[in-house]
Amino acid sequence: MLYNPFHINGYALFCCIFRHCLEIKHTEIFQILSNYKKLNYNISRTLTQNEDSVNETITHNI
């Protein structure tokens, strides 16, 4: 699957509008997208860890 850096979680990020409104350099956009992807990864990993903890607690209490 090809990776499109301007399409995140089903929502299109229109680069020209984004850059025009926030006056962000082209290289800074890729840094922002990279940080956003890392944040999403960490959030999903944390949610999975929380779910595992709940499952362990339920199993332990039964």
Protein backbone atom coordinates (compact mmCIF):
# COMPACT_ATOMS: atom_id res chain seq x y z
CA MET A 1 0.00 0.00 0.00
CA LEU A 2 1.38 3.39 -0.96
CA TYR A 3 1.72 5.92 1.83
CA ASN A 4 0.23 9.31 1.14
CA PRO A 5 1.62 11.79 3.69
CA PHE A 6 -1.37 14.09 3.25
CA HIS A 7 -4.03 11.51 4.03
CA ILE A 8 -4.26 10.72 7.75
CA ASN A 9 -6.84 8.48 9.40
CA GLY A 10 -9.31 8.86 6.57
CA TYR A 11 -9.19 12.65 6.49
CA ALA A 12 -7.51 14.44 3.63
CA LEU A 13 -5.07 17.14 4.64
CA PHE A 14 -5.01 19.73 1.89
CA CYS A 15 -1.42 20.89 1.87
CA CYS A 16 -1.90 24.15 -0.03
CA ILE A 17 -4.66 25.38 2.32
CA PHE A 18 -2.75 24.20 5.39
CA ARG A 19 0.45 25.92 4.32
CA HIS A 20 -1.32 29.11 3.27
CA CYS A 21 -3.30 29.50 6.48
CA LEU A 22 -0.52 28.64 8.89
CA GLU A 23 2.43 29.81 6.75
CA ILE A 24 4.34 26.61 7.40
CA LYS A 25 7.37 25.65 5.36
CA HIS A 26 7.19 22.49 3.26
CA THR A 27 9.75 20.67 5.44
CA GLU A 28 7.89 21.62 8.62
CA ILE A 29 4.71 19.97 7.30
CA PHE A 30 6.46 16.61 7.11
CA GLN A 31 7.75 17.06 10.68
CA ILE A 32 4.23 17.86 11.90
CA LEU A 33 2.82 14.82 10.08
CA SER A 34 5.55 12.62 11.51
CA ASN A 35 4.81 13.82 15.05
CA TYR A 36 1.07 13.31 14.47
CA LYS A 37 1.63 9.73 13.32
CA LYS A 38 3.82 9.04 16.40
CA LEU A 39 1.14 10.51 18.65
CA ASN A 40 -1.56 8.33 17.08
CA TYR A 41 0.66 5.26 17.45
CA ASN A 42 1.29 5.99 21.13
CA ILE A 43 -2.40 6.60 21.83
CA SER A 44 -3.46 3.33 20.20
CA ARG A 45 -0.68 1.45 22.00
CA THR A 46 -1.77 2.94 25.33
CA LEU A 47 -5.40 2.01 24.67
CA THR A 48 -4.34 -1.56 23.91
CA GLN A 49 -2.29 -1.69 27.12
CA ASN A 50 -5.25 -0.37 29.11
CA GLU A 51 -7.53 -2.98 27.55
CA ASP A 52 -5.04 -5.72 28.43
CA SER A 53 -4.88 -4.45 32.02
CA VAL A 54 -8.67 -4.51 32.31
CA ASN A 55 -8.79 -8.05 30.90
CA GLU A 56 -6.12 -9.19 33.38
CA THR A 57 -8.04 -7.61 36.27
CA ILE A 58 -11.31 -9.24 35.22
CA THR A 59 -9.62 -12.63 34.82
CA HIS A 60 -7.88 -12.27 38.19
CA ASN A 61 -11.12 -11.35 39.98
CA ILE A 62 -13.10 -14.27 38.55
